[in-house]
Amino acid sequence: MKFQSDIFINASRNDNAPVSILEAFASGLPVITTAAGGVPEIVEQEVTGLPSEVGDWQGLAENLVRLLRQQA
């Protein structure tokens, strides 16, 4: 079975070394994430992804809707 993705979403509350985000970058996927642990070290707002604060699920959802609208 083969899976394809258009967007990578990381909703972690605690993430010190998010290899999955690096893999998403390598795959060319846009990244929506929380700013947990070490995430702010690799995800720059509006440059390499759309981070939101940990626990801000509305912000995470708003970033997803924004990206979906841009892709449409």
C-alpha atoms as a PDB file:
ATOM      1  CA  MET A   1       0.000   0.000   0.000  1.00  0.00           C
ATOM      2  CA  LYS A   2       1.343   3.431  -0.943  1.00  0.00           C
ATOM      3  CA  PHE A   3       0.437   6.615   0.909  1.00  0.00           C
ATOM      4  CA  GLN A   4       0.776  10.163  -0.339  1.00  0.00           C
ATOM      5  CA  SER A   5       0.581  13.367   1.639  1.00  0.00           C
ATOM      6  CA  ASP A   6       0.226  16.990   0.655  1.00  0.00           C
ATOM      7  CA  ILE A   7       0.789  18.520   4.105  1.00  0.00           C
ATOM      8  CA  PHE A   8       2.662  17.410   7.229  1.00  0.00           C
ATOM      9  CA  ILE A   9       0.992  18.203  10.564  1.00  0.00           C
ATOM     10  CA  ASN A  10       2.787  17.739  13.883  1.00  0.00           C
ATOM     11  CA  ALA A  11       0.607  18.377  16.958  1.00  0.00           C
ATOM     12  CA  SER A  12       3.142  17.289  19.587  1.00  0.00           C
ATOM     13  CA  ARG A  13       3.060  18.694  23.077  1.00  0.00           C
ATOM     14  CA  ASN A  14       6.651  17.612  23.741  1.00  0.00           C
ATOM     15  CA  ASP A  15       9.160  17.081  20.925  1.00  0.00           C
ATOM     16  CA  ASN A  16      12.894  17.545  21.438  1.00  0.00           C
ATOM     17  CA  ALA A  17      14.296  16.198  18.167  1.00  0.00           C
ATOM     18  CA  PRO A  18      11.528  16.103  15.567  1.00  0.00           C
ATOM     19  CA  VAL A  19      13.082  13.924  12.865  1.00  0.00           C
ATOM     20  CA  SER A  20       9.651  13.614  11.274  1.00  0.00           C
ATOM     21  CA  ILE A  21       9.726  17.354  10.493  1.00  0.00           C
ATOM     22  CA  LEU A  22      13.132  16.983   8.846  1.00  0.00           C
ATOM     23  CA  GLU A  23      11.714  14.119   6.785  1.00  0.00           C
ATOM     24  CA  ALA A  24       8.777  16.324   5.756  1.00  0.00           C
ATOM     25  CA  PHE A  25      11.233  19.044   4.664  1.00  0.00           C
ATOM     26  CA  ALA A  26      13.171  16.464   2.650  1.00  0.00           C
ATOM     27  CA  SER A  27       9.926  15.329   1.009  1.00  0.00           C
ATOM     28  CA  GLY A  28       9.008  18.884   0.071  1.00  0.00           C
ATOM     29  CA  LEU A  29       5.887  18.945   2.225  1.00  0.00           C
ATOM     30  CA  PRO A  30       4.613  22.129   3.853  1.00  0.00           C
ATOM     31  CA  VAL A  31       4.869  21.832   7.646  1.00  0.00           C
ATOM     32  CA  ILE A  32       2.237  22.829  10.202  1.00  0.00           C
ATOM     33  CA  THR A  33       3.371  22.209  13.755  1.00  0.00           C
ATOM     34  CA  THR A  34       3.269  23.162  17.382  1.00  0.00           C
ATOM     35  CA  ALA A  35       6.322  24.957  18.757  1.00  0.00           C
ATOM     36  CA  ALA A  36       7.103  22.155  21.203  1.00  0.00           C
ATOM     37  CA  GLY A  37      10.596  21.444  22.514  1.00  0.00           C
ATOM     38  CA  GLY A  38      13.212  21.845  19.800  1.00  0.00           C
ATOM     39  CA  VAL A  39      10.768  22.593  16.986  1.00  0.00           C
ATOM     40  CA  PRO A  40      11.419  26.374  16.997  1.00  0.00           C
ATOM     41  CA  GLU A  41      15.084  25.601  16.303  1.00  0.00           C
ATOM     42  CA  ILE A  42      14.218  24.137  12.893  1.00  0.00           C
ATOM     43  CA  VAL A  43      10.848  25.634  11.921  1.00  0.00           C
ATOM     44  CA  GLU A  44      10.903  29.330  11.122  1.00  0.00           C
ATOM     45  CA  GLN A  45       7.523  31.108  10.924  1.00  0.00           C
ATOM     46  CA  GLU A  46       6.449  31.710   7.322  1.00  0.00           C
ATOM     47  CA  VAL A  47       9.808  30.439   5.994  1.00  0.00           C
ATOM     48  CA  THR A  48      10.014  26.715   6.726  1.00  0.00           C
ATOM     49  CA  GLY A  49       6.607  26.175   8.292  1.00  0.00           C
ATOM     50  CA  LEU A  50       3.630  27.454  10.194  1.00  0.00           C
ATOM     51  CA  PRO A  51       4.114  26.870  13.923  1.00  0.00           C
ATOM     52  CA  SER A  52       1.600  27.581  16.674  1.00  0.00           C
ATOM     53  CA  GLU A  53       1.994  27.519  20.424  1.00  0.00           C
ATOM     54  CA  VAL A  54       1.683  24.209  22.266  1.00  0.00           C
ATOM     55  CA  GLY A  55      -1.949  23.711  23.245  1.00  0.00           C
ATOM     56  CA  ASP A  56      -3.227  26.267  20.721  1.00  0.00           C
ATOM     57  CA  TRP A  57      -5.312  23.807  18.725  1.00  0.00           C
ATOM     58  CA  GLN A  58      -7.304  26.620  17.143  1.00  0.00           C
ATOM     59  CA  GLY A  59      -4.073  28.169  15.832  1.00  0.00           C
ATOM     60  CA  LEU A  60      -2.998  24.794  14.463  1.00  0.00           C
ATOM     61  CA  ALA A  61      -6.367  24.398  12.707  1.00  0.00           C
ATOM     62  CA  GLU A  62      -6.243  27.967  11.368  1.00  0.00           C
ATOM     63  CA  ASN A  63      -2.801  27.297   9.872  1.00  0.00           C
ATOM     64  CA  LEU A  64      -4.158  24.164   8.195  1.00  0.00           C
ATOM     65  CA  VAL A  65      -7.195  25.966   6.756  1.00  0.00           C
ATOM     66  CA  ARG A  66      -4.942  28.803   5.553  1.00  0.00           C
ATOM     67  CA  LEU A  67      -2.654  26.371   3.751  1.00  0.00           C
ATOM     68  CA  LEU A  68      -5.561  24.439   2.235  1.00  0.00           C
ATOM     69  CA  ARG A  69      -7.019  27.664   0.886  1.00  0.00           C
ATOM     70  CA  GLN A  70      -3.675  28.664  -0.618  1.00  0.00           C
ATOM     71  CA  GLN A  71      -3.335  25.290  -2.342  1.00  0.00           C
ATOM     72  CA  ALA A  72      -6.829  25.540  -3.786  1.00  0.00           C
END
